[in-house]
């Protein structure tokens, strides 16, 4: 169980994850302060999250050998 927790923490500390979390925090703060509109926030956030989960999915497929025919 401890190994699984360590792996999860290591995955959260990847550069991609840190950038995603920081962008989420920054754009949330800007949206709450009125620096950007809700629509702009939604567009930016959607792109960031789609990229993050898209690369996570692709990584999982490569590990499973999904690229082999």
PDB file of N, CA and C in Angstrom:
ATOM      1  N   UNK A   1       0.824  -1.189   0.000  1.00  0.00           N
ATOM      2  CA  UNK A   1       0.000   0.000   0.000  1.00  0.00           C
ATOM      3  C   UNK A   1       0.868   1.253   0.000  1.00  0.00           C
ATOM      4  N   UNK A   2       1.953   1.237   0.757  1.00  0.00           N
ATOM      5  CA  UNK A   2       2.864   2.388   0.820  1.00  0.00           C
ATOM      6  C   UNK A   2       3.526   2.613  -0.533  1.00  0.00           C
ATOM      7  N   UNK A   3       3.847   1.529  -1.244  1.00  0.00           N
ATOM      8  CA  UNK A   3       4.462   1.662  -2.570  1.00  0.00           C
ATOM      9  C   UNK A   3       3.518   2.372  -3.526  1.00  0.00           C
ATOM     10  N   UNK A   4       2.243   2.028  -3.466  1.00  0.00           N
ATOM     11  CA  UNK A   4       1.252   2.663  -4.345  1.00  0.00           C
ATOM     12  C   UNK A   4       1.160   4.155  -4.042  1.00  0.00           C
ATOM     13  N   UNK A   5       1.208   4.510  -2.765  1.00  0.00           N
ATOM     14  CA  UNK A   5       1.157   5.915  -2.375  1.00  0.00           C
ATOM     15  C   UNK A   5       2.391   6.656  -2.881  1.00  0.00           C
ATOM     16  N   UNK A   6       3.563   6.024  -2.787  1.00  0.00           N
ATOM     17  CA  UNK A   6       4.798   6.636  -3.272  1.00  0.00           C
ATOM     18  C   UNK A   6       4.748   6.855  -4.782  1.00  0.00           C
ATOM     19  N   UNK A   7       4.211   5.886  -5.500  1.00  0.00           N
ATOM     20  CA  UNK A   7       4.101   6.002  -6.959  1.00  0.00           C
ATOM     21  C   UNK A   7       3.147   7.138  -7.322  1.00  0.00           C
ATOM     22  N   UNK A   8       2.042   7.241  -6.596  1.00  0.00           N
ATOM     23  CA  UNK A   8       1.078   8.305  -6.856  1.00  0.00           C
ATOM     24  C   UNK A   8       1.705   9.671  -6.618  1.00  0.00           C
ATOM     25  N   UNK A   9       2.447   9.818  -5.539  1.00  0.00           N
ATOM     26  CA  UNK A   9       3.110  11.089  -5.243  1.00  0.00           C
ATOM     27  C   UNK A   9       4.154  11.405  -6.309  1.00  0.00           C
ATOM     28  N   UNK A  10       4.895  10.406  -6.762  1.00  0.00           N
ATOM     29  CA  UNK A  10       5.895  10.620  -7.813  1.00  0.00           C
ATOM     30  C   UNK A  10       5.223  11.079  -9.101  1.00  0.00           C
ATOM     31  N   UNK A  11       4.080  10.492  -9.417  1.00  0.00           N
ATOM     32  CA  UNK A  11       3.363  10.890 -10.634  1.00  0.00           C
ATOM     33  C   UNK A  11       2.866  12.325 -10.542  1.00  0.00           C
ATOM     34  N   UNK A  12       2.465  12.764  -9.354  1.00  0.00           N
ATOM     35  CA  UNK A  12       1.999  14.134  -9.186  1.00  0.00           C
ATOM     36  C   UNK A  12       3.132  15.140  -9.282  1.00  0.00           C
ATOM     37  N   UNK A  13       4.345  14.698  -9.059  1.00  0.00           N
ATOM     38  CA  UNK A  13       5.473  15.608  -9.069  1.00  0.00           C
ATOM     39  C   UNK A  13       6.183  15.689 -10.417  1.00  0.00           C
ATOM     40  N   UNK A  14       5.573  15.174 -11.455  1.00  0.00           N
ATOM     41  CA  UNK A  14       6.156  15.314 -12.779  1.00  0.00           C
ATOM     42  C   UNK A  14       5.967  16.753 -13.248  1.00  0.00           C
ATOM     43  N   UNK A  15       6.802  17.188 -14.159  1.00  0.00           N
ATOM     44  CA  UNK A  15       6.742  18.567 -14.654  1.00  0.00           C
ATOM     45  C   UNK A  15       5.369  18.855 -15.258  1.00  0.00           C
ATOM     46  N   UNK A  16       4.854  17.926 -16.011  1.00  0.00           N
ATOM     47  CA  UNK A  16       3.560  18.111 -16.659  1.00  0.00           C
ATOM     48  C   UNK A  16       2.454  18.329 -15.628  1.00  0.00           C
ATOM     49  N   UNK A  17       2.487  17.561 -14.554  1.00  0.00           N
ATOM     50  CA  UNK A  17       1.480  17.704 -13.507  1.00  0.00           C
ATOM     51  C   UNK A  17       1.625  19.026 -12.769  1.00  0.00           C
ATOM     52  N   UNK A  18       2.848  19.409 -12.482  1.00  0.00           N
ATOM     53  CA  UNK A  18       3.086  20.672 -11.778  1.00  0.00           C
ATOM     54  C   UNK A  18       2.603  21.846 -12.623  1.00  0.00           C
ATOM     55  N   UNK A  19       2.909  21.819 -13.910  1.00  0.00           N
ATOM     56  CA  UNK A  19       2.465  22.897 -14.804  1.00  0.00           C
ATOM     57  C   UNK A  19       0.944  22.944 -14.858  1.00  0.00           C
ATOM     58  N   UNK A  20       0.304  21.804 -14.955  1.00  0.00           N
ATOM     59  CA  UNK A  20      -1.154  21.756 -15.010  1.00  0.00           C
ATOM     60  C   UNK A  20      -1.768  22.325 -13.738  1.00  0.00           C
ATOM     61  N   UNK A  21      -1.234  21.941 -12.592  1.00  0.00           N
ATOM     62  CA  UNK A  21      -1.756  22.433 -11.322  1.00  0.00           C
ATOM     63  C   UNK A  21      -1.531  23.940 -11.188  1.00  0.00           C
ATOM     64  N   UNK A  22      -0.324  24.400 -11.546  1.00  0.00           N
ATOM     65  CA  UNK A  22      -0.034  25.834 -11.461  1.00  0.00           C
ATOM     66  C   UNK A  22      -0.933  26.650 -12.394  1.00  0.00           C
ATOM     67  N   UNK A  23      -1.115  26.172 -13.617  1.00  0.00           N
ATOM     68  CA  UNK A  23      -1.995  26.890 -14.545  1.00  0.00           C
ATOM     69  C   UNK A  23      -3.419  26.944 -14.017  1.00  0.00           C
ATOM     70  N   UNK A  24      -3.880  25.871 -13.427  1.00  0.00           N
ATOM     71  CA  UNK A  24      -5.221  25.847 -12.858  1.00  0.00           C
ATOM     72  C   UNK A  24      -5.347  26.880 -11.749  1.00  0.00           C
ATOM     73  N   UNK A  25      -4.365  26.937 -10.870  1.00  0.00           N
ATOM     74  CA  UNK A  25      -4.399  27.896  -9.762  1.00  0.00           C
ATOM     75  C   UNK A  25      -4.345  29.332 -10.287  1.00  0.00           C
ATOM     76  N   UNK A  26      -3.425  29.599 -11.209  1.00  0.00           N
ATOM     77  CA  UNK A  26      -3.263  30.960 -11.725  1.00  0.00           C
ATOM     78  C   UNK A  26      -4.519  31.431 -12.450  1.00  0.00           C
ATOM     79  N   UNK A  27      -5.047  30.619 -13.335  1.00  0.00           N
ATOM     80  CA  UNK A  27      -6.218  31.053 -14.086  1.00  0.00           C
ATOM     81  C   UNK A  27      -7.466  31.097 -13.214  1.00  0.00           C
ATOM     82  N   UNK A  28      -7.536  30.270 -12.184  1.00  0.00           N
ATOM     83  CA  UNK A  28      -8.651  30.372 -11.236  1.00  0.00           C
ATOM     84  C   UNK A  28      -8.577  31.699 -10.485  1.00  0.00           C
ATOM     85  N   UNK A  29      -7.381  32.071 -10.037  1.00  0.00           N
ATOM     86  CA  UNK A  29      -7.202  33.336  -9.328  1.00  0.00           C
ATOM     87  C   UNK A  29      -7.532  34.521 -10.240  1.00  0.00           C
ATOM     88  N   UNK A  30      -7.051  34.471 -11.471  1.00  0.00           N
ATOM     89  CA  UNK A  30      -7.350  35.555 -12.418  1.00  0.00           C
ATOM     90  C   UNK A  30      -8.854  35.672 -12.671  1.00  0.00           C
ATOM     91  N   UNK A  31      -9.508  34.554 -12.778  1.00  0.00           N
ATOM     92  CA  UNK A  31     -10.944  34.561 -13.021  1.00  0.00           C
ATOM     93  C   UNK A  31     -11.693  35.123 -11.822  1.00  0.00           C
ATOM     94  N   UNK A  32     -11.296  34.732 -10.623  1.00  0.00           N
ATOM     95  CA  UNK A  32     -11.968  35.219  -9.417  1.00  0.00           C
ATOM     96  C   UNK A  32     -11.737  36.713  -9.204  1.00  0.00           C
ATOM     97  N   UNK A  33     -10.571  37.205  -9.584  1.00  0.00           N
ATOM     98  CA  UNK A  33     -10.254  38.633  -9.437  1.00  0.00           C
ATOM     99  C   UNK A  33     -10.857  39.477 -10.555  1.00  0.00           C
ATOM    100  N   UNK A  34     -11.364  38.848 -11.584  1.00  0.00           N
ATOM    101  CA  UNK A  34     -11.943  39.585 -12.697  1.00  0.00           C
ATOM    102  C   UNK A  34     -10.939  39.911 -13.778  1.00  0.00           C
ATOM    103  N   UNK A  35      -9.743  39.335 -13.711  1.00  0.00           N
ATOM    104  CA  UNK A  35      -8.709  39.588 -14.714  1.00  0.00           C
ATOM    105  C   UNK A  35      -9.041  38.968 -16.057  1.00  0.00           C
ATOM    106  N   UNK A  36      -9.766  37.876 -16.026  1.00  0.00           N
ATOM    107  CA  UNK A  36     -10.241  37.236 -17.254  1.00  0.00           C
ATOM    108  C   UNK A  36     -11.693  36.843 -17.030  1.00  0.00           C
ATOM    109  N   UNK A  37     -12.425  36.726 -18.120  1.00  0.00           N
ATOM    110  CA  UNK A  37     -13.837  36.367 -18.004  1.00  0.00           C
ATOM    111  C   UNK A  37     -13.980  34.865 -17.765  1.00  0.00           C
ATOM    112  N   UNK A  38     -15.144  34.480 -17.355  1.00  0.00           N
ATOM    113  CA  UNK A  38     -15.434  33.067 -17.139  1.00  0.00           C
ATOM    114  C   UNK A  38     -15.288  32.257 -18.413  1.00  0.00           C
ATOM    115  N   UNK A  39     -15.664  32.868 -19.530  1.00  0.00           N
ATOM    116  CA  UNK A  39     -15.564  32.181 -20.819  1.00  0.00           C
ATOM    117  C   UNK A  39     -14.099  31.950 -21.203  1.00  0.00           C
ATOM    118  N   UNK A  40     -13.270  32.960 -20.980  1.00  0.00           N
ATOM    119  CA  UNK A  40     -11.839  32.808 -21.264  1.00  0.00           C
ATOM    120  C   UNK A  40     -11.231  31.728 -20.361  1.00  0.00           C
ATOM    121  N   UNK A  41     -11.611  31.740 -19.086  1.00  0.00           N
ATOM    122  CA  UNK A  41     -11.114  30.733 -18.154  1.00  0.00           C
ATOM    123  C   UNK A  41     -11.500  29.344 -18.632  1.00  0.00           C
ATOM    124  N   UNK A  42     -12.754  29.173 -19.024  1.00  0.00           N
ATOM    125  CA  UNK A  42     -13.225  27.867 -19.467  1.00  0.00           C
ATOM    126  C   UNK A  42     -12.460  27.389 -20.694  1.00  0.00           C
ATOM    127  N   UNK A  43     -12.206  28.276 -21.644  1.00  0.00           N
ATOM    128  CA  UNK A  43     -11.448  27.900 -22.840  1.00  0.00           C
ATOM    129  C   UNK A  43     -10.030  27.462 -22.494  1.00  0.00           C
ATOM    130  N   UNK A  44      -9.343  28.252 -21.694  1.00  0.00           N
ATOM    131  CA  UNK A  44      -7.964  27.944 -21.322  1.00  0.00           C
ATOM    132  C   UNK A  44      -7.905  26.660 -20.512  1.00  0.00           C
ATOM    133  N   UNK A  45      -8.779  26.557 -19.519  1.00  0.00           N
ATOM    134  CA  UNK A  45      -8.788  25.392 -18.642  1.00  0.00           C
ATOM    135  C   UNK A  45      -9.102  24.115 -19.425  1.00  0.00           C
ATOM    136  N   UNK A  46     -10.016  24.200 -20.365  1.00  0.00           N
ATOM    137  CA  UNK A  46     -10.374  23.026 -21.177  1.00  0.00           C
ATOM    138  C   UNK A  46      -9.179  22.528 -21.988  1.00  0.00           C
ATOM    139  N   UNK A  47      -8.433  23.440 -22.562  1.00  0.00           N
ATOM    140  CA  UNK A  47      -7.257  23.064 -23.348  1.00  0.00           C
ATOM    141  C   UNK A  47      -6.211  22.412 -22.459  1.00  0.00           C
ATOM    142  N   UNK A  48      -5.953  23.005 -21.299  1.00  0.00           N
ATOM    143  CA  UNK A  48      -4.939  22.467 -20.385  1.00  0.00           C
ATOM    144  C   UNK A  48      -5.331  21.070 -19.906  1.00  0.00           C
ATOM    145  N   UNK A  49      -6.565  20.904 -19.482  1.00  0.00           N
ATOM    146  CA  UNK A  49      -7.014  19.611 -18.972  1.00  0.00           C
ATOM    147  C   UNK A  49      -7.060  18.572 -20.093  1.00  0.00           C
ATOM    148  N   UNK A  50      -7.509  18.950 -21.266  1.00  0.00           N
ATOM    149  CA  UNK A  50      -7.536  18.011 -22.390  1.00  0.00           C
ATOM    150  C   UNK A  50      -6.126  17.547 -22.738  1.00  0.00           C
ATOM    151  N   UNK A  51      -5.176  18.471 -22.738  1.00  0.00           N
ATOM    152  CA  UNK A  51      -3.790  18.097 -23.021  1.00  0.00           C
ATOM    153  C   UNK A  51      -3.266  17.148 -21.955  1.00  0.00           C
ATOM    154  N   UNK A  52      -3.508  17.479 -20.692  1.00  0.00           N
ATOM    155  CA  UNK A  52      -3.000  16.658 -19.590  1.00  0.00           C
ATOM    156  C   UNK A  52      -3.561  15.242 -19.665  1.00  0.00           C
ATOM    157  N   UNK A  53      -4.873  15.107 -19.757  1.00  0.00           N
ATOM    158  CA  UNK A  53      -5.473  13.779 -19.778  1.00  0.00           C
ATOM    159  C   UNK A  53      -5.202  13.059 -21.089  1.00  0.00           C
ATOM    160  N   UNK A  54      -5.060  13.799 -22.180  1.00  0.00           N
ATOM    161  CA  UNK A  54      -4.723  13.175 -23.459  1.00  0.00           C
ATOM    162  C   UNK A  54      -3.347  12.538 -23.424  1.00  0.00           C
ATOM    163  N   UNK A  55      -2.385  13.232 -22.836  1.00  0.00           N
ATOM    164  CA  UNK A  55      -1.043  12.658 -22.749  1.00  0.00           C
ATOM    165  C   UNK A  55      -1.001  11.512 -21.745  1.00  0.00           C
ATOM    166  N   UNK A  56      -1.805  11.594 -20.677  1.00  0.00           N
ATOM    167  CA  UNK A  56      -1.870  10.493 -19.713  1.00  0.00           C
ATOM    168  C   UNK A  56      -2.445   9.249 -20.392  1.00  0.00           C
ATOM    169  N   UNK A  57      -3.487   9.435 -21.200  1.00  0.00           N
ATOM    170  CA  UNK A  57      -4.106   8.316 -21.902  1.00  0.00           C
ATOM    171  C   UNK A  57      -3.122   7.697 -22.888  1.00  0.00           C
ATOM    172  N   UNK A  58      -2.436   8.545 -23.635  1.00  0.00           N
ATOM    173  CA  UNK A  58      -1.469   8.066 -24.615  1.00  0.00           C
ATOM    174  C   UNK A  58      -0.347   7.281 -23.933  1.00  0.00           C
ATOM    175  N   UNK A  59       0.113   7.768 -22.803  1.00  0.00           N
ATOM    176  CA  UNK A  59       1.159   7.091 -22.049  1.00  0.00           C
ATOM    177  C   UNK A  59       0.673   5.713 -21.602  1.00  0.00           C
ATOM    178  N   UNK A  60      -0.559   5.627 -21.143  1.00  0.00           N
ATOM    179  CA  UNK A  60      -1.130   4.354 -20.712  1.00  0.00           C
ATOM    180  C   UNK A  60      -1.259   3.369 -21.855  1.00  0.00           C
ATOM    181  N   UNK A  61      -1.650   3.863 -23.016  1.00  0.00           N
ATOM    182  CA  UNK A  61      -1.774   2.995 -24.193  1.00  0.00           C
ATOM    183  C   UNK A  61      -0.421   2.454 -24.629  1.00  0.00           C
ATOM    184  N   UNK A  62       0.605   3.281 -24.574  1.00  0.00           N
ATOM    185  CA  UNK A  62       1.944   2.841 -24.956  1.00  0.00           C
ATOM    186  C   UNK A  62       2.469   1.805 -23.984  1.00  0.00           C
ATOM    187  N   UNK A  63       2.165   1.956 -22.707  1.00  0.00           N
ATOM    188  CA  UNK A  63       2.622   0.995 -21.707  1.00  0.00           C
ATOM    189  C   UNK A  63       1.926  -0.344 -21.875  1.00  0.00           C
ATOM    190  N   UNK A  64       0.662  -0.327 -22.338  1.00  0.00           N
ATOM    191  CA  UNK A  64      -0.073  -1.565 -22.559  1.00  0.00           C
ATOM    192  C   UNK A  64       0.307  -2.227 -23.872  1.00  0.00           C
ATOM    193  N   UNK A  65       1.027  -1.523 -24.710  1.00  0.00           N
ATOM    194  CA  UNK A  65       1.410  -2.073 -26.006  1.00  0.00           C
ATOM    195  C   UNK A  65       0.316  -1.876 -27.045  1.00  0.00           C
ATOM    196  N   UNK A  66      -0.468  -0.819 -26.901  1.00  0.00           N
ATOM    197  CA  UNK A  66      -1.562  -0.529 -27.809  1.00  0.00           C
ATOM    198  C   UNK A  66      -1.112  -0.148 -29.197  1.00  0.00           C
ATOM    199  N   UNK A  67       0.159   0.172 -29.377  1.00  0.00           N
ATOM    200  CA  UNK A  67       0.659   0.592 -30.682  1.00  0.00           C
ATOM    201  C   UNK A  67       1.015  -0.602 -31.564  1.00  0.00           C
ATOM    202  N   UNK A  68       1.038  -1.786 -31.009  1.00  0.00           N
ATOM    203  CA  UNK A  68       1.412  -2.972 -31.790  1.00  0.00           C
ATOM    204  C   UNK A  68       0.214  -3.458 -32.588  1.00  0.00           C
ATOM    205  N   UNK A  69       0.479  -3.970 -33.790  1.00  0.00           N
ATOM    206  CA  UNK A  69      -0.606  -4.496 -34.634  1.00  0.00           C
ATOM    207  C   UNK A  69      -0.515  -5.976 -34.750  1.00  0.00           C
TER     208      UNK A  69
END
